[in-house]
Amino acid sequence: MKTVGDSVNFNWRLIKAPMFVIDYVIVHELAHLIEGNHTPAFWNIVRANTPTMEKARQWLKQHGQMLEEEI
């Protein structure tokens, strides 16, 4: 997943994640259109728009590698 200019691209493997994780990743990437770096302002934007942010980050830490596995 990455943001380039005003475009946001997502890896197709994200479809294997739970919906609350997908929501978090989408908000995370869209927040980069407003705030380019992971500043406190950036995290405030993400946190304000993703009530399950911490749960999603924890899921990615624990299970994120699974997204890279073959189906």
N, C-alpha and C. Protein backbone atom coordinates (compact mmCIF):
# COMPACT_ATOMS: atom_id res chain seq x y z
N MET A 1 0.84 -1.15 0.00
CA MET A 1 0.00 0.00 0.00
C MET A 1 0.90 1.23 0.00
N LYS A 2 0.55 2.19 -0.82
CA LYS A 2 1.32 3.41 -0.81
C LYS A 2 0.50 4.55 -1.39
N THR A 3 0.90 5.76 -1.03
CA THR A 3 0.28 6.96 -1.53
C THR A 3 1.33 7.68 -2.36
N VAL A 4 0.99 8.00 -3.61
CA VAL A 4 1.90 8.71 -4.49
C VAL A 4 1.15 9.90 -5.04
N GLY A 5 1.61 11.10 -4.69
CA GLY A 5 0.89 12.30 -5.12
C GLY A 5 -0.51 12.27 -4.56
N ASP A 6 -1.49 12.28 -5.44
CA ASP A 6 -2.88 12.21 -4.98
C ASP A 6 -3.53 10.87 -5.32
N SER A 7 -2.68 9.85 -5.51
CA SER A 7 -3.17 8.50 -5.79
C SER A 7 -2.88 7.59 -4.60
N VAL A 8 -3.81 6.67 -4.36
CA VAL A 8 -3.62 5.68 -3.30
C VAL A 8 -3.71 4.31 -3.95
N ASN A 9 -2.71 3.47 -3.72
CA ASN A 9 -2.67 2.13 -4.28
C ASN A 9 -2.68 1.11 -3.16
N PHE A 10 -3.44 0.03 -3.34
CA PHE A 10 -3.54 -1.00 -2.33
C PHE A 10 -3.11 -2.34 -2.92
N ASN A 11 -2.40 -3.12 -2.14
CA ASN A 11 -2.00 -4.46 -2.54
C ASN A 11 -3.25 -5.35 -2.51
N TRP A 12 -3.42 -6.18 -3.50
CA TRP A 12 -4.61 -7.04 -3.60
C TRP A 12 -4.71 -7.99 -2.41
N ARG A 13 -3.59 -8.32 -1.78
CA ARG A 13 -3.60 -9.27 -0.66
C ARG A 13 -4.38 -8.74 0.55
N LEU A 14 -4.63 -7.46 0.57
CA LEU A 14 -5.38 -6.86 1.67
C LEU A 14 -6.78 -7.47 1.79
N ILE A 15 -7.31 -8.05 0.71
CA ILE A 15 -8.65 -8.66 0.77
C ILE A 15 -8.70 -9.84 1.73
N LYS A 16 -7.53 -10.37 2.13
CA LYS A 16 -7.50 -11.49 3.07
C LYS A 16 -7.59 -11.04 4.53
N ALA A 17 -7.54 -9.74 4.77
CA ALA A 17 -7.58 -9.20 6.14
C ALA A 17 -9.03 -8.99 6.58
N PRO A 18 -9.26 -8.96 7.89
CA PRO A 18 -10.61 -8.64 8.38
C PRO A 18 -11.00 -7.22 7.99
N MET A 19 -12.29 -6.96 7.93
CA MET A 19 -12.78 -5.66 7.49
C MET A 19 -12.27 -4.51 8.35
N PHE A 20 -12.15 -4.70 9.67
CA PHE A 20 -11.67 -3.60 10.51
C PHE A 20 -10.21 -3.26 10.19
N VAL A 21 -9.44 -4.21 9.71
CA VAL A 21 -8.06 -3.96 9.30
C VAL A 21 -8.06 -3.22 7.96
N ILE A 22 -8.89 -3.66 7.04
CA ILE A 22 -8.99 -2.98 5.74
C ILE A 22 -9.40 -1.53 5.95
N ASP A 23 -10.38 -1.29 6.81
CA ASP A 23 -10.81 0.08 7.12
C ASP A 23 -9.64 0.92 7.62
N TYR A 24 -8.87 0.34 8.55
CA TYR A 24 -7.72 1.05 9.11
C TYR A 24 -6.70 1.39 8.03
N VAL A 25 -6.37 0.43 7.18
CA VAL A 25 -5.36 0.65 6.14
C VAL A 25 -5.84 1.73 5.16
N ILE A 26 -7.10 1.70 4.81
CA ILE A 26 -7.64 2.72 3.90
C ILE A 26 -7.53 4.11 4.52
N VAL A 27 -7.96 4.24 5.77
CA VAL A 27 -7.88 5.54 6.45
C VAL A 27 -6.43 5.97 6.59
N HIS A 28 -5.55 5.04 6.93
CA HIS A 28 -4.12 5.33 7.06
C HIS A 28 -3.57 5.93 5.77
N GLU A 29 -3.86 5.28 4.66
CA GLU A 29 -3.35 5.76 3.37
C GLU A 29 -4.00 7.08 2.96
N LEU A 30 -5.29 7.23 3.20
CA LEU A 30 -5.95 8.51 2.86
C LEU A 30 -5.42 9.64 3.72
N ALA A 31 -5.07 9.36 4.98
CA ALA A 31 -4.51 10.39 5.85
C ALA A 31 -3.19 10.92 5.30
N HIS A 32 -2.47 10.08 4.55
CA HIS A 32 -1.22 10.55 3.94
C HIS A 32 -1.47 11.61 2.88
N LEU A 33 -2.67 11.69 2.34
CA LEU A 33 -2.98 12.76 1.38
C LEU A 33 -3.05 14.11 2.08
N ILE A 34 -3.32 14.09 3.38
CA ILE A 34 -3.40 15.32 4.17
C ILE A 34 -2.07 15.61 4.87
N GLU A 35 -1.49 14.58 5.45
CA GLU A 35 -0.25 14.69 6.24
C GLU A 35 0.70 13.62 5.74
N GLY A 36 1.76 14.04 5.07
CA GLY A 36 2.64 13.10 4.39
C GLY A 36 3.40 12.13 5.27
N ASN A 37 3.77 12.56 6.47
CA ASN A 37 4.59 11.72 7.34
C ASN A 37 3.80 11.25 8.54
N HIS A 38 4.39 10.36 9.31
CA HIS A 38 3.73 9.82 10.51
C HIS A 38 3.94 10.74 11.70
N THR A 39 3.45 11.96 11.56
CA THR A 39 3.55 12.97 12.61
C THR A 39 2.42 12.76 13.62
N PRO A 40 2.46 13.43 14.76
CA PRO A 40 1.33 13.37 15.69
C PRO A 40 0.01 13.80 15.02
N ALA A 41 0.08 14.78 14.14
CA ALA A 41 -1.14 15.23 13.43
C ALA A 41 -1.69 14.10 12.55
N PHE A 42 -0.80 13.38 11.89
CA PHE A 42 -1.21 12.24 11.06
C PHE A 42 -1.96 11.22 11.91
N TRP A 43 -1.35 10.81 13.04
CA TRP A 43 -1.97 9.80 13.88
C TRP A 43 -3.28 10.29 14.49
N ASN A 44 -3.41 11.58 14.74
CA ASN A 44 -4.68 12.13 15.21
C ASN A 44 -5.77 11.97 14.16
N ILE A 45 -5.42 12.18 12.90
CA ILE A 45 -6.37 12.01 11.80
C ILE A 45 -6.83 10.55 11.73
N VAL A 46 -5.87 9.65 11.76
CA VAL A 46 -6.19 8.22 11.66
C VAL A 46 -7.03 7.79 12.86
N ARG A 47 -6.60 8.16 14.05
CA ARG A 47 -7.31 7.77 15.28
C ARG A 47 -8.74 8.31 15.29
N ALA A 48 -8.93 9.53 14.85
CA ALA A 48 -10.26 10.15 14.84
C ALA A 48 -11.21 9.47 13.88
N ASN A 49 -10.67 8.82 12.86
CA ASN A 49 -11.51 8.21 11.83
C ASN A 49 -11.52 6.69 11.86
N THR A 50 -10.79 6.10 12.79
CA THR A 50 -10.72 4.65 12.90
C THR A 50 -10.80 4.24 14.36
N PRO A 51 -12.00 4.03 14.89
CA PRO A 51 -12.13 3.67 16.29
C PRO A 51 -11.42 2.37 16.67
N THR A 52 -11.19 1.50 15.69
CA THR A 52 -10.53 0.21 15.96
C THR A 52 -9.05 0.24 15.56
N MET A 53 -8.45 1.41 15.53
CA MET A 53 -7.07 1.55 15.08
C MET A 53 -6.11 0.65 15.85
N GLU A 54 -6.15 0.68 17.16
CA GLU A 54 -5.20 -0.12 17.95
C GLU A 54 -5.43 -1.61 17.74
N LYS A 55 -6.68 -2.02 17.65
CA LYS A 55 -7.00 -3.42 17.39
C LYS A 55 -6.45 -3.84 16.01
N ALA A 56 -6.60 -2.97 15.02
CA ALA A 56 -6.11 -3.27 13.66
C ALA A 56 -4.59 -3.33 13.64
N ARG A 57 -3.93 -2.41 14.31
CA ARG A 57 -2.46 -2.42 14.35
C ARG A 57 -1.96 -3.70 15.03
N GLN A 58 -2.64 -4.09 16.09
CA GLN A 58 -2.25 -5.33 16.79
C GLN A 58 -2.46 -6.55 15.89
N TRP A 59 -3.58 -6.58 15.15
CA TRP A 59 -3.84 -7.68 14.24
C TRP A 59 -2.73 -7.76 13.18
N LEU A 60 -2.35 -6.62 12.64
CA LEU A 60 -1.31 -6.60 11.61
C LEU A 60 0.03 -7.08 12.18
N LYS A 61 0.35 -6.71 13.41
CA LYS A 61 1.59 -7.19 14.03
C LYS A 61 1.56 -8.71 14.18
N GLN A 62 0.41 -9.24 14.59
CA GLN A 62 0.31 -10.67 14.86
C GLN A 62 0.09 -11.51 13.61
N HIS A 63 -0.66 -11.00 12.64
CA HIS A 63 -1.09 -11.80 11.50
C HIS A 63 -0.72 -11.23 10.13
N GLY A 64 -0.06 -10.09 10.10
CA GLY A 64 0.23 -9.43 8.84
C GLY A 64 0.99 -10.29 7.85
N GLN A 65 1.88 -11.14 8.34
CA GLN A 65 2.66 -12.01 7.45
C GLN A 65 1.75 -12.96 6.68
N MET A 66 0.62 -13.31 7.27
CA MET A 66 -0.33 -14.21 6.61
C MET A 66 -0.82 -13.61 5.28
N LEU A 67 -0.84 -12.30 5.19
CA LEU A 67 -1.29 -11.67 3.95
C LEU A 67 -0.37 -11.97 2.79
N GLU A 68 0.87 -12.30 3.08
CA GLU A 68 1.86 -12.61 2.03
C GLU A 68 1.80 -14.05 1.57
N GLU A 69 1.12 -14.91 2.31
CA GLU A 69 1.07 -16.33 1.98
C GLU A 69 0.18 -16.60 0.77
N GLU A 70 0.49 -17.68 0.06
CA GLU A 70 -0.32 -18.09 -1.09
C GLU A 70 -1.71 -18.50 -0.63
N ILE A 71 -2.66 -18.28 -1.48
CA ILE A 71 -4.04 -18.69 -1.18
C ILE A 71 -4.19 -20.15 -1.56
